[in-house]
C-alpha atoms as a PDB file:
ATOM      1  CA  MET A   1      -0.014  -0.010  -0.001  1.00  0.00           C
ATOM      2  CA  ASP A   2       2.802   2.417   0.800  1.00  0.00           C
ATOM      3  CA  GLU A   3       4.402   1.740  -2.557  1.00  0.00           C
ATOM      4  CA  LYS A   4       1.105   2.472  -4.290  1.00  0.00           C
ATOM      5  CA  ASN A   5       0.788   5.758  -2.382  1.00  0.00           C
ATOM      6  CA  ARG A   6       4.365   6.697  -3.254  1.00  0.00           C
ATOM      7  CA  GLU A   7       3.610   5.954  -6.901  1.00  0.00           C
ATOM      8  CA  SER A   8       0.461   8.076  -6.831  1.00  0.00           C
ATOM      9  CA  ARG A   9       2.563  11.051  -5.687  1.00  0.00           C
ATOM     10  CA  SER A  10       5.286  10.471  -8.241  1.00  0.00           C
ATOM     11  CA  SER A  11       6.264  13.578 -10.170  1.00  0.00           C
ATOM     12  CA  ASP A  12       5.787  11.697 -13.431  1.00  0.00           C
ATOM     13  CA  VAL A  13       2.022  11.392 -12.902  1.00  0.00           C
ATOM     14  CA  ARG A  14       0.303  13.876 -15.168  1.00  0.00           C
ATOM     15  CA  ILE A  15      -3.106  15.201 -14.161  1.00  0.00           C
ATOM     16  CA  VAL A  16      -5.538  15.374 -17.130  1.00  0.00           C
ATOM     17  CA  ALA A  17      -9.317  15.553 -17.503  1.00  0.00           C
ATOM     18  CA  ASP A  18      -9.998  11.860 -16.810  1.00  0.00           C
ATOM     19  CA  THR A  19      -7.486  11.537 -13.960  1.00  0.00           C
ATOM     20  CA  THR A  20      -9.138  10.519 -10.671  1.00  0.00           C
ATOM     21  CA  VAL A  21      -8.194  12.622  -7.638  1.00  0.00           C
ATOM     22  CA  VAL A  22      -8.958  12.474  -3.925  1.00  0.00           C
ATOM     23  CA  VAL A  23      -7.545  14.046  -0.723  1.00  0.00           C
ATOM     24  CA  SER A  24      -4.582  12.249   0.779  1.00  0.00           C
ATOM     25  CA  PRO A  25      -4.932  10.572   4.156  1.00  0.00           C
ATOM     26  CA  ASP A  26      -1.625  12.322   5.050  1.00  0.00           C
ATOM     27  CA  GLN A  27      -3.293  15.671   5.822  1.00  0.00           C
ATOM     28  CA  VAL A  28      -5.701  17.333   8.230  1.00  0.00           C
ATOM     29  CA  SER A  29      -7.994  20.141   7.091  1.00  0.00           C
ATOM     30  CA  THR A  30     -10.677  22.428   8.373  1.00  0.00           C
ATOM     31  CA  SER A  31     -12.951  25.180   7.052  1.00  0.00           C
ATOM     32  CA  VAL A  32     -12.484  28.734   8.243  1.00  0.00           C
ATOM     33  CA  GLY A  33     -15.389  30.788   6.959  1.00  0.00           C
ATOM     34  CA  GLU A  34     -15.412  30.212   3.187  1.00  0.00           C
ATOM     35  CA  GLU A  35     -11.758  29.199   3.123  1.00  0.00           C
ATOM     36  CA  ALA A  36      -9.917  25.989   3.938  1.00  0.00           C
ATOM     37  CA  VAL A  37      -6.773  25.436   5.963  1.00  0.00           C
ATOM     38  CA  ILE A  38      -4.777  22.224   5.368  1.00  0.00           C
ATOM     39  CA  LEU A  39      -1.912  20.807   7.354  1.00  0.00           C
ATOM     40  CA  GLY A  40       0.224  18.533   5.216  1.00  0.00           C
ATOM     41  CA  ALA A  41       1.774  15.775   7.309  1.00  0.00           C
ATOM     42  CA  GLN A  42       4.640  15.189   4.850  1.00  0.00           C
ATOM     43  CA  ALA A  43       5.777  18.808   4.667  1.00  0.00           C
ATOM     44  CA  GLY A  44       4.629  19.801   8.140  1.00  0.00           C
ATOM     45  CA  GLN A  45       3.291  23.044   6.646  1.00  0.00           C
ATOM     46  CA  TYR A  46      -0.080  24.770   6.607  1.00  0.00           C
ATOM     47  CA  PHE A  47      -1.696  25.663   3.319  1.00  0.00           C
ATOM     48  CA  GLY A  48      -4.671  27.943   2.735  1.00  0.00           C
ATOM     49  CA  LEU A  49      -7.305  27.879  -0.003  1.00  0.00           C
ATOM     50  CA  SER A  50      -9.649  30.706  -0.950  1.00  0.00           C
ATOM     51  CA  GLU A  51     -13.413  30.232  -1.459  1.00  0.00           C
ATOM     52  CA  VAL A  52     -13.264  28.424  -4.816  1.00  0.00           C
ATOM     53  CA  GLY A  53     -10.190  26.417  -3.779  1.00  0.00           C
ATOM     54  CA  ALA A  54     -11.985  25.454  -0.576  1.00  0.00           C
ATOM     55  CA  ARG A  55     -15.030  24.283  -2.601  1.00  0.00           C
ATOM     56  CA  ILE A  56     -12.727  22.157  -4.783  1.00  0.00           C
ATOM     57  CA  TRP A  57     -11.119  20.771  -1.631  1.00  0.00           C
ATOM     58  CA  ALA A  58     -14.568  19.858  -0.275  1.00  0.00           C
ATOM     59  CA  LEU A  59     -15.400  18.038  -3.509  1.00  0.00           C
ATOM     60  CA  LEU A  60     -12.066  16.175  -3.331  1.00  0.00           C
ATOM     61  CA  GLN A  61     -13.208  14.409  -0.157  1.00  0.00           C
ATOM     62  CA  THR A  62     -14.700  11.849  -2.568  1.00  0.00           C
ATOM     63  CA  ALA A  63     -12.568  10.342  -5.325  1.00  0.00           C
ATOM     64  CA  GLN A  64     -13.660  11.575  -8.731  1.00  0.00           C
ATOM     65  CA  PRO A  65     -12.346  12.351 -12.207  1.00  0.00           C
ATOM     66  CA  VAL A  66     -11.218  15.897 -12.928  1.00  0.00           C
ATOM     67  CA  THR A  67     -14.047  16.171 -15.500  1.00  0.00           C
ATOM     68  CA  GLU A  68     -16.699  15.688 -12.799  1.00  0.00           C
ATOM     69  CA  LEU A  69     -14.950  18.104 -10.489  1.00  0.00           C
ATOM     70  CA  CYS A  70     -14.864  20.780 -13.217  1.00  0.00           C
ATOM     71  CA  ALA A  71     -18.480  20.158 -14.185  1.00  0.00           C
ATOM     72  CA  GLN A  72     -19.527  20.818 -10.576  1.00  0.00           C
ATOM     73  CA  ILE A  73     -17.406  24.006 -10.346  1.00  0.00           C
ATOM     74  CA  CYS A  74     -18.828  25.251 -13.696  1.00  0.00           C
ATOM     75  CA  ALA A  75     -22.357  24.635 -12.384  1.00  0.00           C
ATOM     76  CA  GLU A  76     -21.692  26.593  -9.193  1.00  0.00           C
ATOM     77  CA  TYR A  77     -19.538  29.452 -10.461  1.00  0.00           C
ATOM     78  CA  ASP A  78     -19.554  31.708 -13.534  1.00  0.00           C
ATOM     79  CA  VAL A  79     -16.580  30.227 -15.380  1.00  0.00           C
ATOM     80  CA  GLN A  80     -15.952  28.863 -18.881  1.00  0.00           C
ATOM     81  CA  ALA A  81     -15.285  25.106 -19.052  1.00  0.00           C
ATOM     82  CA  ASP A  82     -11.828  25.444 -20.631  1.00  0.00           C
ATOM     83  CA  THR A  83     -10.725  28.065 -18.109  1.00  0.00           C
ATOM     84  CA  CYS A  84     -12.076  25.999 -15.255  1.00  0.00           C
ATOM     85  CA  GLU A  85     -10.286  22.842 -16.380  1.00  0.00           C
ATOM     86  CA  ARG A  86      -6.976  24.679 -16.798  1.00  0.00           C
ATOM     87  CA  ASP A  87      -7.249  26.376 -13.377  1.00  0.00           C
ATOM     88  CA  VAL A  88      -8.483  23.245 -11.562  1.00  0.00           C
ATOM     89  CA  ILE A  89      -5.682  21.140 -13.028  1.00  0.00           C
ATOM     90  CA  ALA A  90      -3.119  23.791 -11.995  1.00  0.00           C
ATOM     91  CA  LEU A  91      -4.457  23.708  -8.414  1.00  0.00           C
ATOM     92  CA  LEU A  92      -4.510  19.914  -8.396  1.00  0.00           C
ATOM     93  CA  GLU A  93      -0.893  19.737  -9.594  1.00  0.00           C
ATOM     94  CA  GLU A  94       0.131  22.074  -6.784  1.00  0.00           C
ATOM     95  CA  LEU A  95      -1.800  20.041  -4.180  1.00  0.00           C
ATOM     96  CA  HIS A  96      -0.307  16.825  -5.583  1.00  0.00           C
ATOM     97  CA  ALA A  97       3.228  18.221  -5.478  1.00  0.00           C
ATOM     98  CA  LYS A  98       2.705  19.037  -1.780  1.00  0.00           C
ATOM     99  CA  GLY A  99       1.408  15.529  -1.018  1.00  0.00           C
ATOM    100  CA  LEU A 100      -2.105  16.771  -0.200  1.00  0.00           C
ATOM    101  CA  ILE A 101      -3.970  14.698  -2.805  1.00  0.00           C
ATOM    102  CA  ASP A 102      -3.651  11.233  -4.265  1.00  0.00           C
ATOM    103  CA  VAL A 103      -3.878  10.737  -7.993  1.00  0.00           C
ATOM    104  CA  ARG A 104      -4.928   7.749 -10.050  1.00  0.00           C
ATOM    105  CA  PRO A 105      -3.735   8.123 -13.637  1.00  0.00           C
ATOM    106  CA  ALA A 106      -6.269   8.169 -16.446  1.00  0.00           C
ATOM    107  CA  SER A 107      -7.105   4.832 -18.061  1.00  0.00           C
ATOM    108  CA  GLY A 108      -4.552   3.956 -20.701  1.00  0.00           C
ATOM    109  CA  ALA A 109      -2.041   6.530 -19.365  1.00  0.00           C
ATOM    110  CA  GLY A 110       1.499   5.569 -18.594  1.00  0.00           C
END
């Protein structure tokens, strides 16, 4: 299991639309108003997310493909689908690099 988790955080994993993402068990988070504060166990650092980032974080509590995550954000916020996907993937890559989310590569990737 540890090897699988290490593999899911490998820097060679690319996040794309059909990649499945979920919060890592190696973190603790809480809501503060409309924002989220996350303590990453690996880095021992706190991270903050603004309102939209906090909503994405809340959705990440359940494993789902990036496409579903973006569809939900587009339904809740006034954002174009292509812009949403680009921005969500950028956030997910940052969270993944900090060990805050686990990633399952898209089918057929690798």
